[in-house]
Protein backbone atom coordinates (compact mmCIF):
# COMPACT_ATOMS: atom_id res chain seq x y z
CA UNK A 1 0.00 0.00 0.00
CA UNK A 2 1.33 3.46 -0.86
CA UNK A 3 2.22 6.07 1.74
CA UNK A 4 -0.53 8.39 0.54
CA UNK A 5 -3.27 5.80 0.70
CA UNK A 6 -2.12 4.39 4.03
CA UNK A 7 -1.75 7.71 5.85
CA UNK A 8 -5.03 9.32 4.82
CA UNK A 9 -8.60 8.00 4.58
CA UNK A 10 -10.31 7.98 1.20
CA UNK A 11 -12.71 10.91 0.96
CA UNK A 12 -14.59 9.83 -2.16
CA UNK A 13 -14.76 11.50 -5.58
CA UNK A 14 -13.22 14.91 -6.09
CA UNK A 15 -15.33 17.93 -6.81
CA UNK A 16 -14.60 20.42 -9.61
CA UNK A 17 -12.65 22.78 -7.39
CA UNK A 18 -10.31 19.97 -6.33
CA UNK A 19 -9.69 19.04 -9.94
CA UNK A 20 -8.80 22.63 -10.74
CA UNK A 21 -6.33 22.69 -7.86
CA UNK A 22 -4.38 19.83 -9.44
CA UNK A 23 -4.70 21.22 -12.95
CA UNK A 24 -0.94 21.17 -13.40
CA UNK A 25 -0.76 17.38 -13.31
CA UNK A 26 0.13 15.69 -16.57
CA UNK A 27 -2.13 13.41 -18.54
CA UNK A 28 0.39 10.67 -17.88
CA UNK A 29 -0.40 10.94 -14.19
CA UNK A 30 -4.12 10.99 -14.85
CA UNK A 31 -4.34 7.94 -17.04
CA UNK A 32 -2.16 5.94 -14.66
CA UNK A 33 -5.02 6.16 -12.14
CA UNK A 34 -5.51 8.95 -9.59
CA UNK A 35 -6.10 8.43 -5.92
CA UNK A 36 -9.57 9.93 -5.31
CA UNK A 37 -8.28 12.10 -2.51
CA UNK A 38 -5.12 13.22 -4.30
CA UNK A 39 -5.77 16.95 -4.24
CA UNK A 40 -6.46 16.97 -0.51
CA UNK A 41 -3.38 14.85 0.18
CA UNK A 42 -1.15 17.16 -1.83
CA UNK A 43 -2.51 20.15 0.05
CA UNK A 44 -1.97 18.39 3.38
CA UNK A 45 1.64 17.55 2.54
CA UNK A 46 2.30 21.10 1.36
CA UNK A 47 0.78 22.54 4.52
CA UNK A 48 3.08 20.37 6.62
CA UNK A 49 6.23 21.87 5.11
CA UNK A 50 7.55 25.27 6.08
CA UNK A 51 10.34 27.53 4.95
CA UNK A 52 10.23 26.76 1.23
CA UNK A 53 11.72 29.52 -0.90
CA UNK A 54 9.35 31.45 -3.14
CA UNK A 55 11.94 33.23 -5.24
CA UNK A 56 14.86 30.85 -5.82
CA UNK A 57 15.30 29.14 -9.21
CA UNK A 58 17.92 26.99 -10.93
CA UNK A 59 19.12 26.84 -14.52
CA UNK A 60 21.00 23.59 -15.13
CA UNK A 61 23.00 23.65 -18.38
CA UNK A 62 23.82 19.96 -18.59
CA UNK A 63 26.94 18.85 -20.48
CA UNK A 64 25.70 15.33 -21.07
CA UNK A 65 28.57 13.02 -21.88
CA UNK A 66 30.95 14.59 -19.38
CA UNK A 67 33.05 17.72 -20.05
CA UNK A 68 36.80 17.67 -19.53
CA UNK A 69 37.79 19.51 -16.38
CA UNK A 70 41.39 19.46 -17.64
CA UNK A 71 40.54 21.47 -20.76
CA UNK A 72 38.00 23.90 -19.30
CA UNK A 73 38.35 24.96 -15.67
CA UNK A 74 41.18 22.92 -14.11
CA UNK A 75 44.07 23.01 -16.56
CA UNK A 76 47.42 21.46 -15.66
CA UNK A 77 50.03 23.32 -17.76
CA UNK A 78 52.93 21.70 -15.93
CA UNK A 79 51.71 18.14 -16.35
CA UNK A 80 53.28 15.82 -18.95
CA UNK A 81 52.18 16.30 -22.56
CA UNK A 82 50.02 13.16 -22.50
CA UNK A 83 47.90 14.81 -19.80
CA UNK A 84 47.89 18.58 -20.21
CA UNK A 85 46.45 18.98 -23.73
CA UNK A 86 47.08 21.89 -26.13
CA UNK A 87 45.16 24.69 -24.39
CA UNK A 88 46.82 27.21 -22.15
CA UNK A 89 45.30 28.68 -18.99
CA UNK A 90 44.60 32.41 -18.86
CA UNK A 91 44.21 34.69 -15.88
CA UNK A 92 40.76 35.81 -14.87
CA UNK A 93 39.33 38.76 -13.01
CA UNK A 94 39.77 36.76 -9.78
CA UNK A 95 43.42 36.54 -8.64
CA UNK A 96 44.65 32.96 -8.71
CA UNK A 97 41.76 31.62 -10.80
CA UNK A 98 42.69 30.46 -14.30
CA UNK A 99 40.51 28.90 -17.01
CA UNK A 100 41.03 27.85 -20.61
CA UNK A 101 42.18 30.41 -23.15
CA UNK A 102 39.08 29.56 -25.23
CA UNK A 103 36.83 31.41 -22.76
CA UNK A 104 38.19 34.98 -22.70
CA UNK A 105 34.86 36.73 -22.11
CA UNK A 106 34.07 34.59 -19.09
CA UNK A 107 37.59 35.16 -17.78
CA UNK A 108 36.76 38.87 -17.62
CA UNK A 109 33.76 38.30 -15.35
CA UNK A 110 35.13 35.63 -13.02
CA UNK A 111 34.00 37.62 -9.99
CA UNK A 112 30.48 36.58 -11.01
CA UNK A 113 31.05 32.84 -10.94
CA UNK A 114 32.62 30.19 -8.74
CA UNK A 115 34.42 26.97 -9.68
CA UNK A 116 34.15 23.84 -7.57
CA UNK A 117 37.04 21.57 -8.55
CA UNK A 118 36.85 18.74 -6.04
CA UNK A 119 33.51 16.97 -6.42
CA UNK A 120 33.60 13.27 -7.18
CA UNK A 121 31.54 10.07 -7.16
CA UNK A 122 32.05 6.46 -8.22
CA UNK A 123 29.80 5.87 -11.25
CA UNK A 124 31.57 5.85 -14.61
CA UNK A 125 28.65 5.10 -16.95
CA UNK A 126 26.73 7.92 -18.62
CA UNK A 127 23.26 7.17 -17.28
CA UNK A 128 24.62 5.70 -14.04
CA UNK A 129 26.73 8.82 -13.52
CA UNK A 130 23.85 11.13 -14.40
CA UNK A 131 21.60 9.27 -11.99
CA UNK A 132 24.24 9.40 -9.25
CA UNK A 133 24.87 13.12 -9.63
CA UNK A 134 21.28 14.31 -10.10
CA UNK A 135 19.50 12.01 -7.61
CA UNK A 136 22.18 11.53 -4.95
CA UNK A 137 21.75 7.75 -5.17
CA UNK A 138 23.63 5.03 -7.04
CA UNK A 139 21.34 3.08 -9.32
CA UNK A 140 21.24 -0.70 -9.41
CA UNK A 141 21.28 -0.71 -13.21
CA UNK A 142 24.33 0.63 -15.02
CA UNK A 143 22.82 1.82 -18.30
CA UNK A 144 19.34 2.84 -17.24
CA UNK A 145 17.08 5.05 -19.32
CA UNK A 146 14.77 6.05 -16.45
CA UNK A 147 15.72 6.95 -12.92
CA UNK A 148 15.35 4.56 -9.99
CA UNK A 149 15.23 7.54 -7.61
CA UNK A 150 13.78 11.02 -8.36
CA UNK A 151 16.16 13.57 -9.84
CA UNK A 152 16.53 17.00 -8.29
CA UNK A 153 14.18 18.74 -10.73
CA UNK A 154 11.41 16.27 -9.93
CA UNK A 155 11.97 16.70 -6.19
CA UNK A 156 11.75 20.47 -6.59
CA UNK A 157 8.58 20.09 -8.64
CA UNK A 158 7.03 17.89 -5.96
CA UNK A 159 8.08 20.08 -3.05
CA UNK A 160 7.02 23.37 -4.64
CA UNK A 161 3.80 22.26 -6.33
CA UNK A 162 1.67 24.18 -3.83
CA UNK A 163 3.31 27.39 -5.14
CA UNK A 164 2.36 26.65 -8.75
CA UNK A 165 0.52 29.52 -10.41
CA UNK A 166 0.36 29.97 -14.15
CA UNK A 167 3.67 28.49 -15.31
CA UNK A 168 5.15 25.01 -14.78
CA UNK A 169 7.50 24.47 -11.85
CA UNK A 170 9.91 22.33 -13.87
CA UNK A 171 10.86 22.78 -17.55
CA UNK A 172 13.38 21.01 -19.77
CA UNK A 173 14.26 20.76 -23.42
CA UNK A 174 14.39 16.94 -23.39
CA UNK A 175 14.81 14.07 -20.96
CA UNK A 176 18.26 13.28 -19.58
CA UNK A 177 19.68 9.76 -19.92
CA UNK A 178 19.23 8.08 -16.53
CA UNK A 179 17.05 10.78 -14.95
CA UNK A 180 13.36 11.25 -14.28
CA UNK A 181 10.77 11.39 -11.49
CA UNK A 182 10.98 7.65 -10.65
CA UNK A 183 8.42 6.69 -7.98
CA UNK A 184 7.12 10.26 -7.69
CA UNK A 185 5.31 9.63 -10.97
CA UNK A 186 5.10 11.36 -14.36
CA UNK A 187 3.34 14.41 -12.94
CA UNK A 188 6.76 15.54 -11.71
CA UNK A 189 8.65 15.16 -14.99
CA UNK A 190 9.59 18.40 -16.74
CA UNK A 191 7.39 20.26 -19.19
CA UNK A 192 9.18 19.78 -22.53
CA UNK A 193 8.14 21.80 -25.60
CA UNK A 194 9.49 19.35 -28.19
CA UNK A 195 11.55 16.48 -26.71
CA UNK A 196 13.50 13.81 -28.56
CA UNK A 197 13.10 10.28 -27.10
CA UNK A 198 16.65 9.43 -28.19
CA UNK A 199 17.99 11.76 -25.49
CA UNK A 200 17.00 9.14 -22.91
CA UNK A 201 19.04 6.38 -24.55
CA UNK A 202 22.70 5.72 -25.16
CA UNK A 203 22.45 7.47 -28.53
CA UNK A 204 24.86 10.39 -28.72
CA UNK A 205 24.37 11.55 -32.31
CA UNK A 206 20.88 13.11 -32.29
CA UNK A 207 20.59 16.76 -33.21
CA UNK A 208 20.50 19.32 -30.38
CA UNK A 209 16.97 19.65 -29.02
CA UNK A 210 15.61 23.23 -28.95
CA UNK A 211 14.27 24.63 -25.71
CA UNK A 212 13.14 27.74 -27.58
CA UNK A 213 10.17 27.63 -29.95
CA UNK A 214 10.84 26.64 -33.53
CA UNK A 215 8.43 27.01 -36.43
CA UNK A 216 7.10 23.50 -35.83
CA UNK A 217 6.89 23.62 -32.05
CA UNK A 218 5.34 27.11 -32.10
CA UNK A 219 2.27 25.64 -33.79
CA UNK A 220 2.45 22.35 -31.93
CA UNK A 221 3.65 23.04 -28.39
CA UNK A 222 3.66 19.58 -26.91
CA UNK A 223 3.74 17.83 -23.59
CA UNK A 224 4.95 14.26 -23.96
CA UNK A 225 3.62 11.33 -21.90
CA UNK A 226 6.17 12.48 -19.33
CA UNK A 227 4.23 15.66 -19.20
CA UNK A 228 1.27 15.26 -21.11
CA UNK A 229 -0.76 16.82 -23.98
CA UNK A 230 -0.49 18.17 -27.50
CA UNK A 231 -2.56 21.27 -28.05
CA UNK A 232 -3.55 20.27 -31.56
CA UNK A 233 -5.17 17.16 -30.09
CA UNK A 234 -7.68 18.68 -27.67
CA UNK A 235 -10.31 16.16 -28.72
CA UNK A 236 -7.89 13.27 -28.15
CA UNK A 237 -7.55 14.42 -24.57
CA UNK A 238 -11.28 14.16 -24.03
CA UNK A 239 -11.24 10.67 -25.51
CA UNK A 240 -8.31 9.75 -23.25
CA UNK A 241 -10.32 10.78 -20.22
CA UNK A 242 -12.68 7.92 -21.00
CA UNK A 243 -9.94 5.55 -19.81
CA UNK A 244 -10.08 6.92 -16.27
CA UNK A 245 -11.64 4.78 -13.52
CA UNK A 246 -15.33 4.12 -14.07
CA UNK A 247 -16.01 5.39 -10.57
CA UNK A 248 -15.41 8.88 -11.90
CA UNK A 249 -17.85 8.45 -14.80
CA UNK A 250 -21.02 10.01 -13.39
CA UNK A 251 -23.20 13.03 -14.19
CA UNK A 252 -21.23 16.26 -14.20
CA UNK A 253 -17.81 14.58 -14.21
CA UNK A 254 -17.02 15.22 -17.87
CA UNK A 255 -17.86 18.88 -17.44
CA UNK A 256 -15.37 18.97 -14.57
CA UNK A 257 -12.78 17.27 -16.75
CA UNK A 258 -13.34 19.85 -19.46
CA UNK A 259 -12.61 22.47 -16.82
CA UNK A 260 -9.50 20.54 -15.85
CA UNK A 261 -8.43 20.44 -19.48
CA UNK A 262 -8.77 24.19 -19.80
CA UNK A 263 -6.76 24.68 -16.62
CA UNK A 264 -4.04 22.30 -17.84
CA UNK A 265 -3.77 24.17 -21.12
CA UNK A 266 -3.70 27.53 -19.36
CA UNK A 267 -0.96 26.36 -17.01
CA UNK A 268 1.24 24.25 -19.23
CA UNK A 269 0.78 25.90 -22.61
CA UNK A 270 -1.10 29.08 -21.81
CA UNK A 271 -0.24 32.64 -22.65
CA UNK A 272 2.41 33.25 -20.01
CA UNK A 273 4.22 29.97 -20.67
CA UNK A 274 4.12 30.41 -24.44
CA UNK A 275 5.35 33.98 -24.15
CA UNK A 276 8.29 32.84 -22.02
CA UNK A 277 9.36 30.50 -24.79
CA UNK A 278 8.90 33.13 -27.52
CA UNK A 279 12.23 34.83 -28.25
CA UNK A 280 10.67 37.19 -30.79
CA UNK A 281 9.47 39.18 -27.79
CA UNK A 282 13.08 39.98 -26.82
CA UNK A 283 14.87 43.09 -28.01
CA UNK A 284 17.15 42.48 -30.98
CA UNK A 285 20.19 43.74 -29.05
CA UNK A 286 19.60 41.14 -26.36
CA UNK A 287 19.27 38.33 -28.90
CA UNK A 288 22.44 39.47 -30.61
CA UNK A 289 24.31 39.53 -27.28
CA UNK A 290 23.42 35.88 -26.62
CA UNK A 291 24.07 34.93 -30.26
CA UNK A 292 21.93 33.44 -32.99
CA UNK A 293 23.08 29.94 -32.08
CA UNK A 294 21.49 26.93 -30.46
CA UNK A 295 23.14 27.73 -27.14
CA UNK A 296 22.46 31.44 -27.38
CA UNK A 297 18.75 30.94 -28.01
CA UNK A 298 18.52 28.15 -25.41
CA UNK A 299 20.10 30.17 -22.61
CA UNK A 300 18.08 33.27 -23.42
CA UNK A 301 14.99 31.08 -23.14
CA UNK A 302 16.11 29.78 -19.74
CA UNK A 303 16.35 33.37 -18.47
CA UNK A 304 12.87 34.15 -19.81
CA UNK A 305 11.49 31.04 -18.12
CA UNK A 306 12.88 31.75 -14.66
CA UNK A 307 11.84 35.38 -14.99
CA UNK A 308 8.30 34.13 -15.72
CA UNK A 309 8.36 32.06 -12.53
CA UNK A 310 9.68 28.61 -13.51
CA UNK A 311 11.68 27.23 -10.60
CA UNK A 312 13.89 24.59 -12.24
CA UNK A 313 15.01 24.71 -15.88
CA UNK A 314 17.24 22.04 -17.33
CA UNK A 315 18.76 22.15 -20.81
CA UNK A 316 21.17 19.77 -22.48
CA UNK A 317 24.30 21.53 -23.74
CA UNK A 318 24.46 19.53 -26.97
CA UNK A 319 26.20 20.85 -30.08
CA UNK A 320 26.40 19.69 -33.69
CA UNK A 321 30.06 19.32 -34.66
CA UNK A 322 31.40 19.33 -38.18
CA UNK A 323 31.50 15.73 -39.52
CA UNK A 324 35.26 15.82 -39.87
CA UNK A 325 35.58 16.71 -36.17
CA UNK A 326 33.36 13.98 -34.78
CA UNK A 327 30.08 12.15 -34.83
CA UNK A 328 28.90 12.97 -31.32
CA UNK A 329 26.63 15.89 -30.42
CA UNK A 330 27.32 15.73 -26.68
CA UNK A 331 30.47 15.96 -24.53
CA UNK A 332 31.39 12.25 -24.71
CA UNK A 333 34.72 13.03 -26.34
CA UNK A 334 36.33 9.63 -26.67
CA UNK A 335 38.77 9.35 -29.53
CA UNK A 336 36.28 7.10 -31.34
CA UNK A 337 33.64 9.84 -31.11
CA UNK A 338 35.55 13.04 -31.85
CA UNK A 339 38.77 14.97 -31.79
CA UNK A 340 38.22 16.42 -28.33
CA UNK A 341 40.44 19.44 -28.85
CA UNK A 342 39.00 20.37 -32.21
CA UNK A 343 35.51 19.88 -30.74
CA UNK A 344 36.34 22.39 -28.00
CA UNK A 345 37.71 24.86 -30.54
CA UNK A 346 34.36 24.65 -32.33
CA UNK A 347 32.08 24.70 -29.28
CA UNK A 348 33.65 27.06 -26.83
CA UNK A 349 33.31 30.36 -28.72
CA UNK A 350 29.52 29.87 -28.71
CA UNK A 351 29.68 28.76 -25.06
CA UNK A 352 31.74 31.81 -24.10
CA UNK A 353 29.30 34.20 -25.76
CA UNK A 354 26.06 32.58 -24.58
CA UNK A 355 27.04 31.81 -20.98
CA UNK A 356 28.65 35.21 -20.44
CA UNK A 357 25.53 36.86 -21.88
CA UNK A 358 23.30 34.95 -19.47
CA UNK A 359 25.43 35.82 -16.45
CA UNK A 360 25.57 39.47 -17.49
CA UNK A 361 21.81 39.47 -18.04
CA UNK A 362 21.05 37.88 -14.67
CA UNK A 363 23.19 40.45 -12.86
CA UNK A 364 21.79 43.42 -14.78
CA UNK A 365 18.24 42.35 -13.96
CA UNK A 366 19.00 41.63 -10.30
CA UNK A 367 18.20 37.96 -10.84
CA UNK A 368 21.63 36.82 -9.65
CA UNK A 369 20.35 36.96 -6.06
CA UNK A 370 17.62 34.45 -6.83
CA UNK A 371 18.71 32.41 -9.88
CA UNK A 372 21.56 29.89 -9.78
CA UNK A 373 23.17 28.92 -13.08
CA UNK A 374 25.00 25.57 -13.12
CA UNK A 375 27.16 24.08 -15.85
CA UNK A 376 28.40 20.53 -15.39
CA UNK A 377 28.00 16.98 -16.64
CA UNK A 378 27.88 13.56 -15.05
CA UNK A 379 31.67 13.37 -14.54
CA UNK A 380 35.01 14.66 -15.82
CA UNK A 381 37.38 13.12 -18.38
CA UNK A 382 40.50 11.01 -17.96
CA UNK A 383 43.74 12.85 -17.35
CA UNK A 384 45.57 10.73 -19.91
CA UNK A 385 44.77 11.52 -23.54
CA UNK A 386 43.80 8.44 -25.57
CA UNK A 387 44.08 7.67 -29.27
CA UNK A 388 41.84 4.63 -29.80
CA UNK A 389 40.39 5.73 -33.13
CA UNK A 390 42.01 4.46 -36.32
CA UNK A 391 42.55 8.09 -37.32
CA UNK A 392 44.70 8.56 -34.18
CA UNK A 393 42.73 11.62 -33.19
CA UNK A 394 42.88 12.56 -29.47
CA UNK A 395 40.15 11.92 -26.92
CA UNK A 396 39.55 11.46 -23.21
CA UNK A 397 37.45 8.82 -21.48
CA UNK A 398 35.04 8.79 -18.51
CA UNK A 399 36.41 9.94 -15.14
CA UNK A 400 34.10 10.26 -12.08
CA UNK A 401 37.01 10.63 -9.66
CA UNK A 402 37.32 14.36 -10.48
CA UNK A 403 35.19 17.02 -12.14
CA UNK A 404 34.65 20.77 -12.22
CA UNK A 405 31.33 22.50 -11.61
CA UNK A 406 30.68 26.06 -12.79
CA UNK A 407 28.22 28.10 -10.68
CA UNK A 408 26.93 31.65 -11.02
CA UNK A 409 24.48 33.67 -8.94
CA UNK A 410 21.85 32.14 -6.71
CA UNK A 411 22.66 34.48 -3.85
CA UNK A 412 25.80 32.40 -3.23
CA UNK A 413 29.38 33.58 -2.81
CA UNK A 414 30.95 34.09 -6.20
CA UNK A 415 34.50 34.88 -7.35
CA UNK A 416 36.27 31.91 -5.78
CA UNK A 417 37.71 28.48 -6.48
CA UNK A 418 36.66 25.76 -4.06
CA UNK A 419 38.82 22.66 -3.78
CA UNK A 420 41.66 21.44 -5.96
CA UNK A 421 42.81 18.31 -7.74
CA UNK A 422 46.32 16.89 -7.76
CA UNK A 423 48.97 17.91 -10.28
CA UNK A 424 47.58 15.54 -12.91
CA UNK A 425 43.89 16.26 -12.33
CA UNK A 426 43.29 12.70 -11.23
CA UNK A 427 41.50 13.21 -7.91
CA UNK A 428 40.79 15.85 -5.27
CA UNK A 429 43.86 16.97 -3.35
CA UNK A 430 42.05 19.60 -1.27
CA UNK A 431 38.45 19.84 -0.01
CA UNK A 432 37.30 16.53 -1.51
CA UNK A 433 33.50 16.40 -1.62
CA UNK A 434 30.88 13.81 -2.43
CA UNK A 435 28.85 15.15 -5.37
CA UNK A 436 25.82 15.12 -3.06
CA UNK A 437 27.22 18.27 -1.49
CA UNK A 438 26.18 20.15 -4.62
CA UNK A 439 22.63 18.81 -4.33
CA UNK A 440 22.54 19.61 -0.63
CA UNK A 441 23.55 23.20 -1.39
CA UNK A 442 20.78 23.59 -3.96
CA UNK A 443 18.16 22.02 -1.72
CA UNK A 444 19.22 24.32 1.12
CA UNK A 445 18.63 27.36 -1.09
CA UNK A 446 15.19 26.05 -2.01
CA UNK A 447 14.45 25.54 1.68
CA UNK A 448 13.93 21.82 1.10
CA UNK A 449 14.64 19.49 4.01
CA UNK A 450 16.76 16.68 2.56
CA UNK A 451 15.74 14.34 5.39
CA UNK A 452 12.13 14.48 4.18
CA UNK A 453 10.99 11.01 3.12
CA UNK A 454 8.99 9.81 0.15
CA UNK A 455 7.86 6.24 -0.26
CA UNK A 456 8.94 4.17 -3.24
CA UNK A 457 6.68 1.73 -5.07
CA UNK A 458 7.27 -0.94 -2.43
CA UNK A 459 6.36 1.42 0.40
CA UNK A 460 9.91 1.92 1.67
CA UNK A 461 10.61 5.41 3.09
CA UNK A 462 13.38 7.07 1.08
CA UNK A 463 14.96 10.40 2.16
CA UNK A 464 15.50 13.04 -0.48
CA UNK A 465 19.26 12.70 0.04
CA UNK A 466 21.04 9.88 1.87
CA UNK A 467 24.03 12.08 2.74
CA UNK A 468 25.87 15.26 1.80
CA UNK A 469 26.23 18.68 3.41
CA UNK A 470 25.86 22.12 1.79
CA UNK A 471 29.14 23.56 0.57
CA UNK A 472 29.97 26.01 3.35
CA UNK A 473 32.14 28.27 1.18
CA UNK A 474 29.14 29.06 -0.99
CA UNK A 475 26.59 29.78 1.71
């Protein structure tokens, strides 16, 4: 028996007002069978929690595949040639902080970001590493498509659902490989305007998935089964409602469902949500500052979403390389996938422009006190450069023993480097931290108690995080 059904008596069918209160739930949650007293239970849980932030949001720019700490934010110029790579470190605005020469604009605003160089975990597979970093738990499966424990965005969506107004709590461009709401259910998956199912598999060659509206998604703003309807199929939704429990099929119920449908559309694809996705509403100068690129348009959209009230935005940092550089569109820069150094020469100018524009924008608008930007992936890359491909091009492999995390804003302390790795970038040499410390920091800013328990599908109580303390230097 589930925690919800065991802790609260069944109150019978919901009235129209109760349905409207849960109007943000996805169709996927509905057709899986709703507890009759769900709305009241959600309200009761929300009422029992205090201290939740009402103005903190996160933008997670996810480098799926795993970016190289040694070539971005933790260069080792004195290491042997087989480790250090071709890029040179440059000074930044913060004394003692150096980053790659390919990010000169960001180097000039280093007082507005912080680098954490000493996080680590033990999972070296893409989906296993993603699951470990974003849920705080190691999965049983190695190459899992869907999470066994809820990821941080889903937890935030669950915890803050009582604050939902007229925009979704949680938005993403597409599903991450090894992430998801797990036993919380599909109602807590992100709203995705036009997702690609391949993003939740081991495929690493699909085209970058837009978060911003394209010509096709503008006319067909969709919510997948992870989060729920297609506007052009309003009538299909009504037909889908016929699959709900027969106990709900009584006079007046369909009228209530029609009201629910209108509320779902208003919330998940209504005017305010659609406007947040619509970059044509931005001034031309702003769009030019971010750049007319996939990353520029994606990060400008993330700012518009958090400004509209979205609390957690996640966006894959995928990039289409030239065919001669590599076949991958993510950061999985093995030699067999790409020439890692040429890939960085192609990607990082766009990254430098778009990320610096976002940080500048957040600070100019005063959003830096309330919005935390994060750039990282599931792990770092091996210190030793490999040449497995027949072409003998360079690459680096998976490396969860060390990674760098880039943070900006969020009301946290910026302009510092936290932790350090050894001279070869192999493992933390100072201030070693379980990657759960990053999650604990974010949850602390949301006001979420990480000891709070949810029950999995077997009824076991599972805390939000099993361990990990907020990073004191940031708080």
